Amino acid sequence: MREPVTTFHEGVFNGHRLRYAATVREAAVPFEGGDPGAHVVSTQYVLAGQGDPAGRPVIFA
């Protein structure tokens, strides 16, 4: 399995300049015997400088 990859970005959204990090992760979903049955990839976007991450909303799509 690959290590997570994080890149840093900046953009203008609705007239506001925002800095954020994007992290791509891979997770293996095993078959009953333990062999990898599938790989799931997720992307996480985190806005920089917005206080405690534990209080941020989470969206799963």
C-alpha atoms as a PDB file:
ATOM      1  CA  MET A   1       0.000   0.000   0.000  1.00  0.00           C
ATOM      2  CA  ARG A   2       1.235   3.489  -0.818  1.00  0.00           C
ATOM      3  CA  GLU A   3       1.979   6.249   1.682  1.00  0.00           C
ATOM      4  CA  PRO A   4      -0.440   9.241   1.750  1.00  0.00           C
ATOM      5  CA  VAL A   5       0.505  12.168  -0.504  1.00  0.00           C
ATOM      6  CA  THR A   6      -0.176  15.761   0.628  1.00  0.00           C
ATOM      7  CA  THR A   7       0.061  18.834  -1.593  1.00  0.00           C
ATOM      8  CA  PHE A   8      -0.548  22.478  -0.645  1.00  0.00           C
ATOM      9  CA  HIS A   9      -2.646  24.908  -2.665  1.00  0.00           C
ATOM     10  CA  GLU A  10      -4.102  28.403  -2.728  1.00  0.00           C
ATOM     11  CA  GLY A  11      -7.091  29.669  -4.660  1.00  0.00           C
ATOM     12  CA  VAL A  12      -9.795  32.328  -4.813  1.00  0.00           C
ATOM     13  CA  PHE A  13     -13.269  30.994  -3.988  1.00  0.00           C
ATOM     14  CA  ASN A  14     -16.284  33.313  -3.985  1.00  0.00           C
ATOM     15  CA  GLY A  15     -13.921  36.285  -3.749  1.00  0.00           C
ATOM     16  CA  HIS A  16     -11.924  34.887  -0.787  1.00  0.00           C
ATOM     17  CA  ARG A  17      -8.315  33.740  -1.040  1.00  0.00           C
ATOM     18  CA  LEU A  18      -7.973  30.381   0.738  1.00  0.00           C
ATOM     19  CA  ARG A  19      -4.991  28.161   1.503  1.00  0.00           C
ATOM     20  CA  TYR A  20      -5.608  24.432   1.869  1.00  0.00           C
ATOM     21  CA  ALA A  21      -3.919  21.034   1.891  1.00  0.00           C
ATOM     22  CA  ALA A  22      -5.098  18.083  -0.202  1.00  0.00           C
ATOM     23  CA  THR A  23      -4.195  14.559   0.971  1.00  0.00           C
ATOM     24  CA  VAL A  24      -4.797  11.407  -1.070  1.00  0.00           C
ATOM     25  CA  ARG A  25      -4.863   8.071   0.819  1.00  0.00           C
ATOM     26  CA  GLU A  26      -5.280   4.450  -0.223  1.00  0.00           C
ATOM     27  CA  ALA A  27      -6.851   1.726   1.941  1.00  0.00           C
ATOM     28  CA  ALA A  28      -7.007  -2.003   1.202  1.00  0.00           C
ATOM     29  CA  VAL A  29     -10.292  -3.864   1.730  1.00  0.00           C
ATOM     30  CA  PRO A  30      -9.458  -7.536   2.327  1.00  0.00           C
ATOM     31  CA  PHE A  31     -11.254 -10.676   1.161  1.00  0.00           C
ATOM     32  CA  GLU A  32     -12.212 -13.207   3.836  1.00  0.00           C
ATOM     33  CA  GLY A  33      -8.837 -14.964   3.461  1.00  0.00           C
ATOM     34  CA  GLY A  34      -6.930 -11.736   4.072  1.00  0.00           C
ATOM     35  CA  ASP A  35      -5.817 -11.111   0.480  1.00  0.00           C
ATOM     36  CA  PRO A  36      -6.571  -7.612  -0.873  1.00  0.00           C
ATOM     37  CA  GLY A  37     -10.018  -7.620  -2.469  1.00  0.00           C
ATOM     38  CA  ALA A  38     -10.189  -3.956  -3.391  1.00  0.00           C
ATOM     39  CA  HIS A  39      -8.402  -0.653  -2.901  1.00  0.00           C
ATOM     40  CA  VAL A  40     -10.312   2.453  -1.866  1.00  0.00           C
ATOM     41  CA  VAL A  41      -8.885   5.919  -2.549  1.00  0.00           C
ATOM     42  CA  SER A  42      -9.957   9.018  -0.618  1.00  0.00           C
ATOM     43  CA  THR A  43      -9.110  12.716  -0.891  1.00  0.00           C
ATOM     44  CA  GLN A  44      -9.131  15.012   2.129  1.00  0.00           C
ATOM     45  CA  TYR A  45      -9.173  18.821   1.794  1.00  0.00           C
ATOM     46  CA  VAL A  46      -8.229  20.842   4.891  1.00  0.00           C
ATOM     47  CA  LEU A  47      -8.451  24.628   5.056  1.00  0.00           C
ATOM     48  CA  ALA A  48      -5.345  26.219   6.619  1.00  0.00           C
ATOM     49  CA  GLY A  49      -5.553  28.420   9.702  1.00  0.00           C
ATOM     50  CA  GLN A  50      -9.121  27.634  10.760  1.00  0.00           C
ATOM     51  CA  GLY A  51      -8.626  26.676  14.410  1.00  0.00           C
ATOM     52  CA  ASP A  52      -9.065  23.249  16.010  1.00  0.00           C
ATOM     53  CA  PRO A  53      -9.531  20.526  13.338  1.00  0.00           C
ATOM     54  CA  ALA A  54     -11.674  18.467  15.772  1.00  0.00           C
ATOM     55  CA  GLY A  55     -14.477  21.033  15.471  1.00  0.00           C
ATOM     56  CA  ARG A  56     -14.577  21.115  11.673  1.00  0.00           C
ATOM     57  CA  PRO A  57     -17.442  19.604   9.678  1.00  0.00           C
ATOM     58  CA  VAL A  58     -16.870  16.365   7.748  1.00  0.00           C
ATOM     59  CA  ILE A  59     -18.533  15.431   4.459  1.00  0.00           C
ATOM     60  CA  PHE A  60     -18.512  11.937   2.969  1.00  0.00           C
ATOM     61  CA  ALA A  61     -19.534  11.660  -0.669  1.00  0.00           C
END
